[in-house]
Structures are given as structure tokens and as C-alpha cells.
Amino acid sequence: MMAAYTGARTTGFASPATGAVEGPIDLAAVLSLTAPGRYPVRVAGASWTGIS
């Protein structure tokens, strides 16, 4: 897993977006996972790649 970017090790010019850094996304808040019938699922692989 990749470490979170903190901006502590930057080089060159400062990014103009340093003030727009957001925290992690809370899936429970975004997807209303407390509602009945909603289950988060992690999918891996490429078995559906190219299917339309």
C-alpha cells in the first residue's frame, strides 16, 4: 500500500494546489452504507475487461 502524501518532501516550485489537499474519503458517509441492502465489495482482476 502506498503511503499518504504529506507534501513534506517537495522539490522545485511549490504546487499551487497545496491549499486544496483533502482528507481521505469516508465511504460510509458517501454511499450511505447504513441503509439496508448496501454492501461494499472489493473487486480485483480483469475478467470483465472489454465486455460491453
PDB file of N, CA and C in Angstrom:
ATOM      1  N   MET A   1       0.849  -1.171   0.000  1.00  0.00           N
ATOM      2  CA  MET A   1       0.000   0.000   0.000  1.00  0.00           C
ATOM      3  C   MET A   1       0.893   1.232   0.000  1.00  0.00           C
ATOM      4  N   MET A   2       0.482   2.235  -0.716  1.00  0.00           N
ATOM      5  CA  MET A   2       1.268   3.462  -0.804  1.00  0.00           C
ATOM      6  C   MET A   2       1.021   4.333   0.421  1.00  0.00           C
ATOM      7  N   ALA A   3       2.063   5.015   0.842  1.00  0.00           N
ATOM      8  CA  ALA A   3       1.942   5.941   1.964  1.00  0.00           C
ATOM      9  C   ALA A   3       1.216   7.206   1.506  1.00  0.00           C
ATOM     10  N   ALA A   4       0.518   7.840   2.409  1.00  0.00           N
ATOM     11  CA  ALA A   4      -0.197   9.068   2.088  1.00  0.00           C
ATOM     12  C   ALA A   4       0.801  10.190   1.817  1.00  0.00           C
ATOM     13  N   TYR A   5       0.512  11.006   0.844  1.00  0.00           N
ATOM     14  CA  TYR A   5       1.373  12.134   0.506  1.00  0.00           C
ATOM     15  C   TYR A   5       1.132  13.260   1.498  1.00  0.00           C
ATOM     16  N   THR A   6       2.191  13.723   2.143  1.00  0.00           N
ATOM     17  CA  THR A   6       2.058  14.804   3.109  1.00  0.00           C
ATOM     18  C   THR A   6       2.606  16.123   2.606  1.00  0.00           C
ATOM     19  N   GLY A   7       3.374  16.105   1.510  1.00  0.00           N
ATOM     20  CA  GLY A   7       3.940  17.331   0.973  1.00  0.00           C
ATOM     21  C   GLY A   7       5.214  17.754   1.647  1.00  0.00           C
ATOM     22  N   ALA A   8       5.747  16.936   2.558  1.00  0.00           N
ATOM     23  CA  ALA A   8       6.941  17.305   3.306  1.00  0.00           C
ATOM     24  C   ALA A   8       8.201  17.231   2.448  1.00  0.00           C
ATOM     25  N   ARG A   9       8.233  16.362   1.452  1.00  0.00           N
ATOM     26  CA  ARG A   9       9.435  16.184   0.633  1.00  0.00           C
ATOM     27  C   ARG A   9       9.173  16.685  -0.787  1.00  0.00           C
ATOM     28  N   THR A  10       9.119  17.977  -0.961  1.00  0.00           N
ATOM     29  CA  THR A  10       8.890  18.554  -2.278  1.00  0.00           C
ATOM     30  C   THR A  10      10.172  19.168  -2.814  1.00  0.00           C
ATOM     31  N   THR A  11      10.273  19.266  -4.116  1.00  0.00           N
ATOM     32  CA  THR A  11      11.417  19.905  -4.758  1.00  0.00           C
ATOM     33  C   THR A  11      10.904  20.849  -5.833  1.00  0.00           C
ATOM     34  N   GLY A  12      11.706  21.788  -6.218  1.00  0.00           N
ATOM     35  CA  GLY A  12      11.318  22.703  -7.284  1.00  0.00           C
ATOM     36  C   GLY A  12      10.309  23.723  -6.807  1.00  0.00           C
ATOM     37  N   PHE A  13       9.379  24.059  -7.693  1.00  0.00           N
ATOM     38  CA  PHE A  13       8.366  25.063  -7.372  1.00  0.00           C
ATOM     39  C   PHE A  13       7.271  24.468  -6.494  1.00  0.00           C
ATOM     40  N   ALA A  14       6.734  25.276  -5.629  1.00  0.00           N
ATOM     41  CA  ALA A  14       5.624  24.836  -4.780  1.00  0.00           C
ATOM     42  C   ALA A  14       4.372  24.667  -5.634  1.00  0.00           C
ATOM     43  N   SER A  15       3.587  23.681  -5.308  1.00  0.00           N
ATOM     44  CA  SER A  15       2.349  23.431  -6.046  1.00  0.00           C
ATOM     45  C   SER A  15       1.311  24.497  -5.714  1.00  0.00           C
ATOM     46  N   PRO A  16       0.607  25.010  -6.717  1.00  0.00           N
ATOM     47  CA  PRO A  16      -0.449  25.986  -6.425  1.00  0.00           C
ATOM     48  C   PRO A  16      -1.662  25.339  -5.755  1.00  0.00           C
ATOM     49  N   ALA A  17      -1.698  24.005  -5.712  1.00  0.00           N
ATOM     50  CA  ALA A  17      -2.842  23.306  -5.134  1.00  0.00           C
ATOM     51  C   ALA A  17      -2.590  22.837  -3.703  1.00  0.00           C
ATOM     52  N   THR A  18      -1.560  23.332  -3.038  1.00  0.00           N
ATOM     53  CA  THR A  18      -1.266  22.865  -1.681  1.00  0.00           C
ATOM     54  C   THR A  18      -2.373  23.210  -0.700  1.00  0.00           C
ATOM     55  N   GLY A  19      -3.130  24.246  -0.953  1.00  0.00           N
ATOM     56  CA  GLY A  19      -4.238  24.597  -0.077  1.00  0.00           C
ATOM     57  C   GLY A  19      -5.487  23.780  -0.335  1.00  0.00           C
ATOM     58  N   ALA A  20      -5.490  22.960  -1.378  1.00  0.00           N
ATOM     59  CA  ALA A  20      -6.666  22.183  -1.742  1.00  0.00           C
ATOM     60  C   ALA A  20      -6.524  20.704  -1.400  1.00  0.00           C
ATOM     61  N   VAL A  21      -5.575  20.354  -0.531  1.00  0.00           N
ATOM     62  CA  VAL A  21      -5.387  18.962  -0.150  1.00  0.00           C
ATOM     63  C   VAL A  21      -6.550  18.533   0.733  1.00  0.00           C
ATOM     64  N   GLU A  22      -7.179  17.419   0.372  1.00  0.00           N
ATOM     65  CA  GLU A  22      -8.335  16.928   1.108  1.00  0.00           C
ATOM     66  C   GLU A  22      -7.970  15.676   1.892  1.00  0.00           C
ATOM     67  N   GLY A  23      -8.748  15.362   2.865  1.00  0.00           N
ATOM     68  CA  GLY A  23      -8.551  14.162   3.664  1.00  0.00           C
ATOM     69  C   GLY A  23      -9.065  12.932   2.931  1.00  0.00           C
ATOM     70  N   PRO A  24      -8.967  11.779   3.571  1.00  0.00           N
ATOM     71  CA  PRO A  24      -9.441  10.546   2.940  1.00  0.00           C
ATOM     72  C   PRO A  24     -10.961  10.538   2.793  1.00  0.00           C
ATOM     73  N   ILE A  25     -11.453   9.771   1.851  1.00  0.00           N
ATOM     74  CA  ILE A  25     -12.887   9.664   1.596  1.00  0.00           C
ATOM     75  C   ILE A  25     -13.490   8.643   2.555  1.00  0.00           C
ATOM     76  N   ASP A  26     -14.575   9.003   3.202  1.00  0.00           N
ATOM     77  CA  ASP A  26     -15.290   8.093   4.086  1.00  0.00           C
ATOM     78  C   ASP A  26     -16.425   7.462   3.288  1.00  0.00           C
ATOM     79  N   LEU A  27     -16.236   6.210   2.848  1.00  0.00           N
ATOM     80  CA  LEU A  27     -17.242   5.554   2.013  1.00  0.00           C
ATOM     81  C   LEU A  27     -18.581   5.391   2.726  1.00  0.00           C
ATOM     82  N   ALA A  28     -18.555   5.187   4.027  1.00  0.00           N
ATOM     83  CA  ALA A  28     -19.806   5.033   4.769  1.00  0.00           C
ATOM     84  C   ALA A  28     -20.652   6.302   4.684  1.00  0.00           C
ATOM     85  N   ALA A  29     -20.003   7.460   4.703  1.00  0.00           N
ATOM     86  CA  ALA A  29     -20.738   8.720   4.612  1.00  0.00           C
ATOM     87  C   ALA A  29     -21.186   9.008   3.181  1.00  0.00           C
ATOM     88  N   VAL A  30     -20.362   8.682   2.202  1.00  0.00           N
ATOM     89  CA  VAL A  30     -20.677   8.984   0.808  1.00  0.00           C
ATOM     90  C   VAL A  30     -21.757   8.054   0.261  1.00  0.00           C
ATOM     91  N   LEU A  31     -21.683   6.771   0.586  1.00  0.00           N
ATOM     92  CA  LEU A  31     -22.587   5.786  -0.001  1.00  0.00           C
ATOM     93  C   LEU A  31     -23.759   5.401   0.888  1.00  0.00           C
ATOM     94  N   SER A  32     -23.905   6.002   2.042  1.00  0.00           N
ATOM     95  CA  SER A  32     -24.976   5.663   2.994  1.00  0.00           C
ATOM     96  C   SER A  32     -25.007   4.163   3.246  1.00  0.00           C
ATOM     97  N   LEU A  33     -23.902   3.616   3.724  1.00  0.00           N
ATOM     98  CA  LEU A  33     -23.797   2.178   3.928  1.00  0.00           C
ATOM     99  C   LEU A  33     -24.654   1.669   5.070  1.00  0.00           C
ATOM    100  N   THR A  34     -25.271   2.561   5.826  1.00  0.00           N
ATOM    101  CA  THR A  34     -26.162   2.118   6.894  1.00  0.00           C
ATOM    102  C   THR A  34     -27.535   1.743   6.360  1.00  0.00           C
ATOM    103  N   ALA A  35     -27.833   2.096   5.111  1.00  0.00           N
ATOM    104  CA  ALA A  35     -29.113   1.735   4.507  1.00  0.00           C
ATOM    105  C   ALA A  35     -29.164   0.226   4.266  1.00  0.00           C
ATOM    106  N   PRO A  36     -30.317  -0.406   4.456  1.00  0.00           N
ATOM    107  CA  PRO A  36     -30.397  -1.854   4.237  1.00  0.00           C
ATOM    108  C   PRO A  36     -30.151  -2.220   2.780  1.00  0.00           C
ATOM    109  N   GLY A  37     -29.454  -3.302   2.580  1.00  0.00           N
ATOM    110  CA  GLY A  37     -29.215  -3.792   1.226  1.00  0.00           C
ATOM    111  C   GLY A  37     -28.019  -3.183   0.529  1.00  0.00           C
ATOM    112  N   ARG A  38     -27.184  -2.432   1.217  1.00  0.00           N
ATOM    113  CA  ARG A  38     -25.982  -1.851   0.599  1.00  0.00           C
ATOM    114  C   ARG A  38     -24.753  -2.470   1.239  1.00  0.00           C
ATOM    115  N   TYR A  39     -23.951  -3.116   0.412  1.00  0.00           N
ATOM    116  CA  TYR A  39     -22.771  -3.809   0.899  1.00  0.00           C
ATOM    117  C   TYR A  39     -21.559  -3.406   0.063  1.00  0.00           C
ATOM    118  N   PRO A  40     -20.486  -2.961   0.692  1.00  0.00           N
ATOM    119  CA  PRO A  40     -19.274  -2.645  -0.077  1.00  0.00           C
ATOM    120  C   PRO A  40     -18.590  -3.934  -0.520  1.00  0.00           C
ATOM    121  N   VAL A  41     -18.115  -3.950  -1.762  1.00  0.00           N
ATOM    122  CA  VAL A  41     -17.453  -5.124  -2.328  1.00  0.00           C
ATOM    123  C   VAL A  41     -16.177  -4.668  -3.012  1.00  0.00           C
ATOM    124  N   ARG A  42     -15.078  -5.371  -2.773  1.00  0.00           N
ATOM    125  CA  ARG A  42     -13.816  -5.083  -3.452  1.00  0.00           C
ATOM    126  C   ARG A  42     -13.656  -6.110  -4.573  1.00  0.00           C
ATOM    127  N   VAL A  43     -13.425  -5.629  -5.779  1.00  0.00           N
ATOM    128  CA  VAL A  43     -13.294  -6.490  -6.951  1.00  0.00           C
ATOM    129  C   VAL A  43     -11.898  -6.360  -7.496  1.00  0.00           C
ATOM    130  N   ALA A  44     -11.289  -7.482  -7.856  1.00  0.00           N
ATOM    131  CA  ALA A  44      -9.954  -7.478  -8.435  1.00  0.00           C
ATOM    132  C   ALA A  44      -9.956  -8.371  -9.666  1.00  0.00           C
ATOM    133  N   GLY A  45      -9.044  -8.091 -10.573  1.00  0.00           N
ATOM    134  CA  GLY A  45      -8.917  -8.914 -11.774  1.00  0.00           C
ATOM    135  C   GLY A  45      -9.424  -8.192 -13.004  1.00  0.00           C
ATOM    136  N   ALA A  46      -9.255  -8.843 -14.134  1.00  0.00           N
ATOM    137  CA  ALA A  46      -9.630  -8.232 -15.414  1.00  0.00           C
ATOM    138  C   ALA A  46     -10.603  -9.105 -16.179  1.00  0.00           C
ATOM    139  N   SER A  47     -11.406  -9.909 -15.485  1.00  0.00           N
ATOM    140  CA  SER A  47     -12.296 -10.831 -16.182  1.00  0.00           C
ATOM    141  C   SER A  47     -13.391 -10.119 -16.977  1.00  0.00           C
ATOM    142  N   TRP A  48     -13.743  -8.905 -16.607  1.00  0.00           N
ATOM    143  CA  TRP A  48     -14.784  -8.164 -17.331  1.00  0.00           C
ATOM    144  C   TRP A  48     -14.213  -7.105 -18.271  1.00  0.00           C
ATOM    145  N   THR A  49     -12.918  -7.098 -18.469  1.00  0.00           N
ATOM    146  CA  THR A  49     -12.295  -6.126 -19.325  1.00  0.00           C
ATOM    147  C   THR A  49     -12.688  -6.378 -20.783  1.00  0.00           C
ATOM    148  N   GLY A  50     -13.145  -5.358 -21.459  1.00  0.00           N
ATOM    149  CA  GLY A  50     -13.510  -5.466 -22.871  1.00  0.00           C
ATOM    150  C   GLY A  50     -14.918  -5.940 -23.118  1.00  0.00           C
ATOM    151  N   ILE A  51     -15.713  -6.191 -22.101  1.00  0.00           N
ATOM    152  CA  ILE A  51     -17.096  -6.639 -22.279  1.00  0.00           C
ATOM    153  C   ILE A  51     -17.994  -5.412 -22.280  1.00  0.00           C
ATOM    154  N   SER A  52     -18.865  -5.340 -23.266  1.00  0.00           N
ATOM    155  CA  SER A  52     -19.774  -4.186 -23.316  1.00  0.00           C
ATOM    156  C   SER A  52     -21.207  -4.621 -23.356  1.00  0.00           C
TER     157      SER A  52
END
